[in-house]
Each structure stands twice: as C-alpha cells, then as structure tokens.
C-alpha cells in the first residue's frame, strides 16, 4: 500500500505555454470567456514536459553522432561498401550504436507526441473561444498558419510518415555516407537492410531529421502567437 511518496519538482525551463495562459486569463478577467476546464490546463503541463524532454534528446543524439563519425574516420579500406564492392561492416561500440538508434526512435516519438498534444490544446482553445474545429480542420489550420508565416509545413507530414513507419512497421538501423570524405560524413537511417541507396524512400538522412526538428522549432512561436491572439481578438 502506498501511503508515503515524493513528487518531483517541475521547473524544466520551456515557457511556451505561459503567454497563452496569460492571454486566456486576461480574457477571463474581462469576462469574455468562462474558465477553462481543468483538463485543458493539464494539457499545458503535458506539453511543457514534452518540450523539456526534446532539447535533451537533440543534444544527446548530436553528441552521439559526432562520436560515431570520429570512430568512422578510423575505418579501413575493406570496410567500404560501393555499388560494385561489398565491404566488411564497421564494428563500433554497442552502447553507442544502440543509443543512437534508441534516440532516433525517441526523437521522432517525442516530436510527434508534442505535436499531437499541441493540436489537442489548439482544438480545445478554439472551441472555448467559440470557434470550434474538428480534427481535420485543426490540421489544415496548422498548415495554413505555418504557410502564412512563410514557413514550409512539409516537416509535419514527414514526421508523421517516418514516426508511423518506425513505430508500426520497422526498427531504424544506421549506416554512414562517407562519399564526401572526412568532416563531411552523413548518418543514414535505414528503413530496411539496404544494398544501395538509390531509393530515397527507403532511408532518412540525419540532415532530414534535423529539418524536422528545425521545422518544429520554427513552428512553435507561430502556433503560440495564433493562440495568444485568438483570445486577444475576442
């Protein structure tokens, strides 16, 4: 029986939701809206926690990939695979290898989860402001807001596609593109055991993974501004 416990303090640092609550509270004090349900405020806590997790995964995976490339620079000639020659697979530390794979999975999952929670908050707040949106319209509204801010929303569909594939259909595995020489290596995240990299649908580059991260980061203040202004305009 649990009759004593410790709660862990949450002061993670991401303040994304606070300006939104400030705008909501201002509208509430002016009598323009009724108080939000407790579960909507709880969504803010969930989102803040996800947003505090993400930069730590990004920092970790960047350090791991840098370490991987240092190891890869010491490869032998017989480790190299080409279109016509099959090499010998490069042996690396198992902890490094599986930490990278696990963090790739975690990164896709956490960004996707954060997006889903933000969409739920978005839908709840629009409904509370008297402008209800169904799930499909929330997605379209997201895209419209991002495009109107001169940002490319394609990262959102790329995230959804890659996350769904690795969650439901496969486990990522890694290779290293050394075509451009030391200092210019690229991580290849394979969707299956590949003998060549002609079909770009069968792998993701670390660069494209970073594009998803950057797209998400660029979109955060855009969505935040929209929700802040939603209650200012009532």
C-alpha atoms as a PDB file:
ATOM      1  CA  UNK A   1       0.000   0.000   0.000  1.00  0.00           C
ATOM      2  CA  UNK A   2       1.378   3.412  -0.977  1.00  0.00           C
ATOM      3  CA  UNK A   3       0.908   5.809   1.951  1.00  0.00           C
ATOM      4  CA  UNK A   4       4.055   7.969   1.535  1.00  0.00           C
ATOM      5  CA  UNK A   5       5.679   9.306  -1.620  1.00  0.00           C
ATOM      6  CA  UNK A   6       7.795  12.079  -3.125  1.00  0.00           C
ATOM      7  CA  UNK A   7       6.725  14.312  -6.000  1.00  0.00           C
ATOM      8  CA  UNK A   8       9.450  15.640  -8.295  1.00  0.00           C
ATOM      9  CA  UNK A   9       9.679  19.400  -8.806  1.00  0.00           C
ATOM     10  CA  UNK A  10       8.932  20.542 -12.380  1.00  0.00           C
ATOM     11  CA  UNK A  11      10.844  23.658 -13.372  1.00  0.00           C
ATOM     12  CA  UNK A  12      12.083  22.393 -16.717  1.00  0.00           C
ATOM     13  CA  UNK A  13      12.526  25.714 -18.459  1.00  0.00           C
ATOM     14  CA  UNK A  14      10.310  25.743 -21.577  1.00  0.00           C
ATOM     15  CA  UNK A  15       7.824  28.602 -21.198  1.00  0.00           C
ATOM     16  CA  UNK A  16       5.932  28.101 -24.482  1.00  0.00           C
ATOM     17  CA  UNK A  17       2.521  27.733 -22.860  1.00  0.00           C
ATOM     18  CA  UNK A  18       2.770  30.696 -20.435  1.00  0.00           C
ATOM     19  CA  UNK A  19       1.935  33.544 -22.872  1.00  0.00           C
ATOM     20  CA  UNK A  20      -1.093  31.519 -23.978  1.00  0.00           C
ATOM     21  CA  UNK A  21      -2.331  31.161 -20.395  1.00  0.00           C
ATOM     22  CA  UNK A  22      -1.698  34.873 -19.855  1.00  0.00           C
ATOM     23  CA  UNK A  23      -3.927  35.724 -22.831  1.00  0.00           C
ATOM     24  CA  UNK A  24      -6.589  33.259 -21.640  1.00  0.00           C
ATOM     25  CA  UNK A  25      -6.526  34.720 -18.099  1.00  0.00           C
ATOM     26  CA  UNK A  26      -6.775  38.265 -19.441  1.00  0.00           C
ATOM     27  CA  UNK A  27      -9.900  37.323 -21.434  1.00  0.00           C
ATOM     28  CA  UNK A  28     -11.259  35.540 -18.360  1.00  0.00           C
ATOM     29  CA  UNK A  29     -10.763  38.562 -16.093  1.00  0.00           C
ATOM     30  CA  UNK A  30     -12.532  40.785 -18.623  1.00  0.00           C
ATOM     31  CA  UNK A  31     -15.500  38.412 -18.594  1.00  0.00           C
ATOM     32  CA  UNK A  32     -15.116  37.482 -22.255  1.00  0.00           C
ATOM     33  CA  UNK A  33     -14.829  33.726 -21.606  1.00  0.00           C
ATOM     34  CA  UNK A  34     -15.621  31.215 -18.882  1.00  0.00           C
ATOM     35  CA  UNK A  35     -12.858  29.423 -17.026  1.00  0.00           C
ATOM     36  CA  UNK A  36     -11.110  26.651 -18.899  1.00  0.00           C
ATOM     37  CA  UNK A  37     -11.765  23.051 -17.822  1.00  0.00           C
ATOM     38  CA  UNK A  38      -9.020  21.600 -15.602  1.00  0.00           C
ATOM     39  CA  UNK A  39      -8.101  19.041 -18.265  1.00  0.00           C
ATOM     40  CA  UNK A  40      -7.149  21.812 -20.693  1.00  0.00           C
ATOM     41  CA  UNK A  41      -4.721  23.295 -18.158  1.00  0.00           C
ATOM     42  CA  UNK A  42      -3.402  19.763 -17.641  1.00  0.00           C
ATOM     43  CA  UNK A  43      -2.656  19.601 -21.374  1.00  0.00           C
ATOM     44  CA  UNK A  44      -0.344  22.571 -20.864  1.00  0.00           C
ATOM     45  CA  UNK A  45       1.616  20.593 -18.266  1.00  0.00           C
ATOM     46  CA  UNK A  46       1.932  17.631 -20.631  1.00  0.00           C
ATOM     47  CA  UNK A  47       3.120  19.867 -23.469  1.00  0.00           C
ATOM     48  CA  UNK A  48       5.684  21.638 -21.272  1.00  0.00           C
ATOM     49  CA  UNK A  49       7.105  18.298 -20.156  1.00  0.00           C
ATOM     50  CA  UNK A  50       7.468  17.098 -23.753  1.00  0.00           C
ATOM     51  CA  UNK A  51       9.094  20.390 -24.743  1.00  0.00           C
ATOM     52  CA  UNK A  52      11.578  19.989 -21.897  1.00  0.00           C
ATOM     53  CA  UNK A  53      12.429  16.433 -22.990  1.00  0.00           C
ATOM     54  CA  UNK A  54      13.103  17.287 -26.640  1.00  0.00           C
ATOM     55  CA  UNK A  55      16.211  19.504 -26.391  1.00  0.00           C
ATOM     56  CA  UNK A  56      17.861  16.905 -24.184  1.00  0.00           C
ATOM     57  CA  UNK A  57      17.306  14.177 -26.785  1.00  0.00           C
ATOM     58  CA  UNK A  58      18.593  16.501 -29.528  1.00  0.00           C
ATOM     59  CA  UNK A  59      21.720  17.341 -27.513  1.00  0.00           C
ATOM     60  CA  UNK A  60      22.346  13.670 -26.773  1.00  0.00           C
ATOM     61  CA  UNK A  61      21.891  12.445 -30.336  1.00  0.00           C
ATOM     62  CA  UNK A  62      24.109  15.207 -31.760  1.00  0.00           C
ATOM     63  CA  UNK A  63      26.899  14.204 -29.358  1.00  0.00           C
ATOM     64  CA  UNK A  64      26.440  10.531 -30.228  1.00  0.00           C
ATOM     65  CA  UNK A  65      26.573  11.128 -33.972  1.00  0.00           C
ATOM     66  CA  UNK A  66      29.697  13.272 -33.574  1.00  0.00           C
ATOM     67  CA  UNK A  67      31.308  10.428 -31.619  1.00  0.00           C
ATOM     68  CA  UNK A  68      30.238   7.941 -34.287  1.00  0.00           C
ATOM     69  CA  UNK A  69      31.876   9.980 -37.051  1.00  0.00           C
ATOM     70  CA  UNK A  70      35.140  10.181 -35.080  1.00  0.00           C
ATOM     71  CA  UNK A  71      35.145   6.387 -34.874  1.00  0.00           C
ATOM     72  CA  UNK A  72      34.167   6.084 -38.564  1.00  0.00           C
ATOM     73  CA  UNK A  73      37.158   8.175 -39.666  1.00  0.00           C
ATOM     74  CA  UNK A  74      39.376   5.320 -38.495  1.00  0.00           C
ATOM     75  CA  UNK A  75      37.775   2.832 -40.898  1.00  0.00           C
ATOM     76  CA  UNK A  76      39.896   0.560 -43.081  1.00  0.00           C
ATOM     77  CA  UNK A  77      39.602   0.317 -46.846  1.00  0.00           C
ATOM     78  CA  UNK A  78      37.952  -3.102 -46.601  1.00  0.00           C
ATOM     79  CA  UNK A  79      35.134  -1.544 -44.513  1.00  0.00           C
ATOM     80  CA  UNK A  80      33.961   0.490 -47.523  1.00  0.00           C
ATOM     81  CA  UNK A  81      30.858  -0.604 -49.468  1.00  0.00           C
ATOM     82  CA  UNK A  82      30.290   0.632 -53.033  1.00  0.00           C
ATOM     83  CA  UNK A  83      27.831  -0.088 -55.833  1.00  0.00           C
ATOM     84  CA  UNK A  84      30.115  -2.860 -57.070  1.00  0.00           C
ATOM     85  CA  UNK A  85      32.012  -3.977 -53.940  1.00  0.00           C
ATOM     86  CA  UNK A  86      30.704  -5.374 -50.661  1.00  0.00           C
ATOM     87  CA  UNK A  87      32.857  -4.359 -47.715  1.00  0.00           C
ATOM     88  CA  UNK A  88      33.182  -5.564 -44.141  1.00  0.00           C
ATOM     89  CA  UNK A  89      30.726  -4.000 -41.702  1.00  0.00           C
ATOM     90  CA  UNK A  90      32.350  -1.455 -39.373  1.00  0.00           C
ATOM     91  CA  UNK A  91      32.346  -2.611 -35.756  1.00  0.00           C
ATOM     92  CA  UNK A  92      31.535   0.093 -33.195  1.00  0.00           C
ATOM     93  CA  UNK A  93      30.730   0.142 -29.504  1.00  0.00           C
ATOM     94  CA  UNK A  94      27.309  -1.461 -28.974  1.00  0.00           C
ATOM     95  CA  UNK A  95      26.244   1.142 -26.408  1.00  0.00           C
ATOM     96  CA  UNK A  96      26.968   3.943 -28.888  1.00  0.00           C
ATOM     97  CA  UNK A  97      25.169   2.146 -31.700  1.00  0.00           C
ATOM     98  CA  UNK A  98      22.011   1.297 -29.790  1.00  0.00           C
ATOM     99  CA  UNK A  99      21.917   4.661 -28.008  1.00  0.00           C
ATOM    100  CA  UNK A 100      21.831   6.360 -31.420  1.00  0.00           C
ATOM    101  CA  UNK A 101      19.110   4.030 -32.695  1.00  0.00           C
ATOM    102  CA  UNK A 102      17.088   4.445 -29.488  1.00  0.00           C
ATOM    103  CA  UNK A 103      17.436   8.217 -29.564  1.00  0.00           C
ATOM    104  CA  UNK A 104      16.348   8.388 -33.222  1.00  0.00           C
ATOM    105  CA  UNK A 105      13.211   6.492 -32.241  1.00  0.00           C
ATOM    106  CA  UNK A 106      12.747   8.689 -29.164  1.00  0.00           C
ATOM    107  CA  UNK A 107      13.205  11.910 -31.123  1.00  0.00           C
ATOM    108  CA  UNK A 108      10.551  11.006 -33.693  1.00  0.00           C
ATOM    109  CA  UNK A 109       8.177   9.814 -30.973  1.00  0.00           C
ATOM    110  CA  UNK A 110       8.621  12.859 -28.724  1.00  0.00           C
ATOM    111  CA  UNK A 111       8.195  15.433 -31.507  1.00  0.00           C
ATOM    112  CA  UNK A 112       5.128  13.601 -32.768  1.00  0.00           C
ATOM    113  CA  UNK A 113       3.680  13.374 -29.251  1.00  0.00           C
ATOM    114  CA  UNK A 114       4.331  17.071 -28.646  1.00  0.00           C
ATOM    115  CA  UNK A 115       2.570  17.909 -31.921  1.00  0.00           C
ATOM    116  CA  UNK A 116      -0.426  15.760 -31.020  1.00  0.00           C
ATOM    117  CA  UNK A 117      -0.748  17.410 -27.613  1.00  0.00           C
ATOM    118  CA  UNK A 118      -0.400  20.894 -29.121  1.00  0.00           C
ATOM    119  CA  UNK A 119      -3.125  20.012 -31.632  1.00  0.00           C
ATOM    120  CA  UNK A 120      -5.382  18.905 -28.755  1.00  0.00           C
ATOM    121  CA  UNK A 121      -4.719  22.172 -26.935  1.00  0.00           C
ATOM    122  CA  UNK A 122      -5.321  24.105 -30.149  1.00  0.00           C
ATOM    123  CA  UNK A 123      -8.648  22.344 -30.725  1.00  0.00           C
ATOM    124  CA  UNK A 124      -9.741  22.863 -27.098  1.00  0.00           C
ATOM    125  CA  UNK A 125      -8.855  26.559 -27.032  1.00  0.00           C
ATOM    126  CA  UNK A 126     -10.511  27.314 -30.369  1.00  0.00           C
ATOM    127  CA  UNK A 127     -13.645  25.548 -29.139  1.00  0.00           C
ATOM    128  CA  UNK A 128     -13.574  27.536 -25.876  1.00  0.00           C
ATOM    129  CA  UNK A 129     -13.208  30.757 -27.867  1.00  0.00           C
ATOM    130  CA  UNK A 130     -16.367  29.886 -29.815  1.00  0.00           C
ATOM    131  CA  UNK A 131     -14.573  28.835 -32.986  1.00  0.00           C
ATOM    132  CA  UNK A 132     -14.760  25.024 -32.892  1.00  0.00           C
ATOM    133  CA  UNK A 133     -12.590  22.988 -35.274  1.00  0.00           C
ATOM    134  CA  UNK A 134     -12.813  19.272 -35.938  1.00  0.00           C
ATOM    135  CA  UNK A 135      -9.631  17.167 -36.066  1.00  0.00           C
ATOM    136  CA  UNK A 136      -9.248  17.521 -39.847  1.00  0.00           C
ATOM    137  CA  UNK A 137      -9.715  21.300 -39.722  1.00  0.00           C
ATOM    138  CA  UNK A 138      -7.120  21.578 -36.937  1.00  0.00           C
ATOM    139  CA  UNK A 139      -4.533  20.027 -39.258  1.00  0.00           C
ATOM    140  CA  UNK A 140      -5.492  22.343 -42.100  1.00  0.00           C
ATOM    141  CA  UNK A 141      -5.428  25.359 -39.764  1.00  0.00           C
ATOM    142  CA  UNK A 142      -1.950  24.379 -38.564  1.00  0.00           C
ATOM    143  CA  UNK A 143      -0.703  24.178 -42.135  1.00  0.00           C
ATOM    144  CA  UNK A 144      -2.327  27.487 -43.056  1.00  0.00           C
ATOM    145  CA  UNK A 145      -0.823  29.324 -40.069  1.00  0.00           C
ATOM    146  CA  UNK A 146       2.658  27.969 -40.796  1.00  0.00           C
ATOM    147  CA  UNK A 147       2.424  28.802 -44.512  1.00  0.00           C
ATOM    148  CA  UNK A 148       1.149  32.319 -43.774  1.00  0.00           C
ATOM    149  CA  UNK A 149       4.276  32.846 -41.657  1.00  0.00           C
ATOM    150  CA  UNK A 150       6.369  31.961 -44.742  1.00  0.00           C
ATOM    151  CA  UNK A 151       7.472  28.635 -43.261  1.00  0.00           C
ATOM    152  CA  UNK A 152       7.427  25.266 -45.020  1.00  0.00           C
ATOM    153  CA  UNK A 153       4.986  22.868 -43.275  1.00  0.00           C
ATOM    154  CA  UNK A 154       6.281  19.748 -45.075  1.00  0.00           C
ATOM    155  CA  UNK A 155       8.211  18.726 -41.948  1.00  0.00           C
ATOM    156  CA  UNK A 156       4.895  17.868 -40.311  1.00  0.00           C
ATOM    157  CA  UNK A 157       3.905  15.211 -42.884  1.00  0.00           C
ATOM    158  CA  UNK A 158       7.499  13.898 -42.998  1.00  0.00           C
ATOM    159  CA  UNK A 159       7.455  13.492 -39.225  1.00  0.00           C
ATOM    160  CA  UNK A 160       4.120  11.698 -39.335  1.00  0.00           C
ATOM    161  CA  UNK A 161       5.275   9.358 -42.094  1.00  0.00           C
ATOM    162  CA  UNK A 162       8.626   8.413 -40.509  1.00  0.00           C
ATOM    163  CA  UNK A 163       7.283   8.120 -36.979  1.00  0.00           C
ATOM    164  CA  UNK A 164       4.392   5.886 -38.069  1.00  0.00           C
ATOM    165  CA  UNK A 165       6.698   3.685 -40.135  1.00  0.00           C
ATOM    166  CA  UNK A 166       9.191   3.070 -37.342  1.00  0.00           C
ATOM    167  CA  UNK A 167       6.549   2.694 -34.639  1.00  0.00           C
ATOM    168  CA  UNK A 168       4.375   0.241 -36.564  1.00  0.00           C
ATOM    169  CA  UNK A 169       6.484  -1.408 -39.265  1.00  0.00           C
ATOM    170  CA  UNK A 170      10.202  -1.491 -38.577  1.00  0.00           C
ATOM    171  CA  UNK A 171      13.152  -0.525 -36.371  1.00  0.00           C
ATOM    172  CA  UNK A 172      15.679   2.030 -37.644  1.00  0.00           C
ATOM    173  CA  UNK A 173      19.232   0.927 -38.352  1.00  0.00           C
ATOM    174  CA  UNK A 174      22.174   3.100 -39.287  1.00  0.00           C
ATOM    175  CA  UNK A 175      24.881   3.401 -41.928  1.00  0.00           C
ATOM    176  CA  UNK A 176      27.337   6.201 -42.693  1.00  0.00           C
ATOM    177  CA  UNK A 177      27.695   8.029 -46.005  1.00  0.00           C
ATOM    178  CA  UNK A 178      31.446   8.706 -46.418  1.00  0.00           C
ATOM    179  CA  UNK A 179      31.194   9.790 -50.076  1.00  0.00           C
ATOM    180  CA  UNK A 180      32.370  13.355 -49.416  1.00  0.00           C
ATOM    181  CA  UNK A 181      35.289  12.400 -47.187  1.00  0.00           C
ATOM    182  CA  UNK A 182      36.193  13.070 -43.521  1.00  0.00           C
ATOM    183  CA  UNK A 183      34.457  16.067 -41.994  1.00  0.00           C
ATOM    184  CA  UNK A 184      31.505  15.613 -44.343  1.00  0.00           C
ATOM    185  CA  UNK A 185      30.061  12.298 -43.201  1.00  0.00           C
ATOM    186  CA  UNK A 186      26.269  11.873 -43.115  1.00  0.00           C
ATOM    187  CA  UNK A 187      24.219   9.495 -40.987  1.00  0.00           C
ATOM    188  CA  UNK A 188      21.850   7.285 -42.968  1.00  0.00           C
ATOM    189  CA  UNK A 189      18.817   5.939 -41.123  1.00  0.00           C
ATOM    190  CA  UNK A 190      17.643   2.856 -42.993  1.00  0.00           C
ATOM    191  CA  UNK A 191      14.098   1.512 -43.132  1.00  0.00           C
ATOM    192  CA  UNK A 192      15.390  -1.899 -44.230  1.00  0.00           C
ATOM    193  CA  UNK A 193      18.737  -3.635 -44.822  1.00  0.00           C
ATOM    194  CA  UNK A 194      19.885  -1.823 -47.962  1.00  0.00           C
ATOM    195  CA  UNK A 195      22.406  -2.913 -50.597  1.00  0.00           C
ATOM    196  CA  UNK A 196      22.299   0.520 -52.236  1.00  0.00           C
ATOM    197  CA  UNK A 197      20.796   3.945 -51.603  1.00  0.00           C
ATOM    198  CA  UNK A 198      19.112   4.636 -54.940  1.00  0.00           C
ATOM    199  CA  UNK A 199      15.601   4.716 -53.486  1.00  0.00           C
ATOM    200  CA  UNK A 200      15.326   7.716 -51.154  1.00  0.00           C
ATOM    201  CA  UNK A 201      12.034   6.404 -49.775  1.00  0.00           C
ATOM    202  CA  UNK A 202      13.929   3.623 -48.012  1.00  0.00           C
ATOM    203  CA  UNK A 203      16.118   5.760 -45.774  1.00  0.00           C
ATOM    204  CA  UNK A 204      16.316   9.102 -43.973  1.00  0.00           C
ATOM    205  CA  UNK A 205      19.405  11.268 -43.630  1.00  0.00           C
ATOM    206  CA  UNK A 206      20.422  12.936 -40.392  1.00  0.00           C
ATOM    207  CA  UNK A 207      20.057  16.221 -42.274  1.00  0.00           C
ATOM    208  CA  UNK A 208      16.377  15.486 -42.996  1.00  0.00           C
ATOM    209  CA  UNK A 209      15.851  14.510 -39.346  1.00  0.00           C
ATOM    210  CA  UNK A 210      17.301  17.875 -38.353  1.00  0.00           C
ATOM    211  CA  UNK A 211      14.942  19.565 -40.839  1.00  0.00           C
ATOM    212  CA  UNK A 212      12.010  18.035 -38.933  1.00  0.00           C
ATOM    213  CA  UNK A 213      13.430  19.300 -35.632  1.00  0.00           C
ATOM    214  CA  UNK A 214      14.041  22.776 -37.060  1.00  0.00           C
ATOM    215  CA  UNK A 215      10.595  22.868 -38.676  1.00  0.00           C
ATOM    216  CA  UNK A 216       9.026  22.046 -35.320  1.00  0.00           C
ATOM    217  CA  UNK A 217      11.098  24.695 -33.514  1.00  0.00           C
ATOM    218  CA  UNK A 218      10.225  27.319 -36.148  1.00  0.00           C
ATOM    219  CA  UNK A 219       6.525  26.481 -35.853  1.00  0.00           C
ATOM    220  CA  UNK A 220       6.326  26.713 -32.043  1.00  0.00           C
ATOM    221  CA  UNK A 221       6.236  30.538 -31.825  1.00  0.00           C
ATOM    222  CA  UNK A 222       3.886  30.735 -34.826  1.00  0.00           C
ATOM    223  CA  UNK A 223       1.306  28.474 -33.157  1.00  0.00           C
ATOM    224  CA  UNK A 224       1.868  30.256 -29.848  1.00  0.00           C
ATOM    225  CA  UNK A 225       1.176  33.676 -31.409  1.00  0.00           C
ATOM    226  CA  UNK A 226      -2.001  32.388 -33.035  1.00  0.00           C
ATOM    227  CA  UNK A 227      -3.367  31.098 -29.717  1.00  0.00           C
ATOM    228  CA  UNK A 228      -2.380  34.268 -27.858  1.00  0.00           C
ATOM    229  CA  UNK A 229      -4.092  36.436 -30.479  1.00  0.00           C
ATOM    230  CA  UNK A 230      -7.139  34.157 -30.514  1.00  0.00           C
ATOM    231  CA  UNK A 231      -8.136  35.392 -27.049  1.00  0.00           C
ATOM    232  CA  UNK A 232      -6.998  38.959 -27.588  1.00  0.00           C
ATOM    233  CA  UNK A 233      -9.405  39.170 -30.542  1.00  0.00           C
ATOM    234  CA  UNK A 234     -12.490  38.088 -28.581  1.00  0.00           C
END
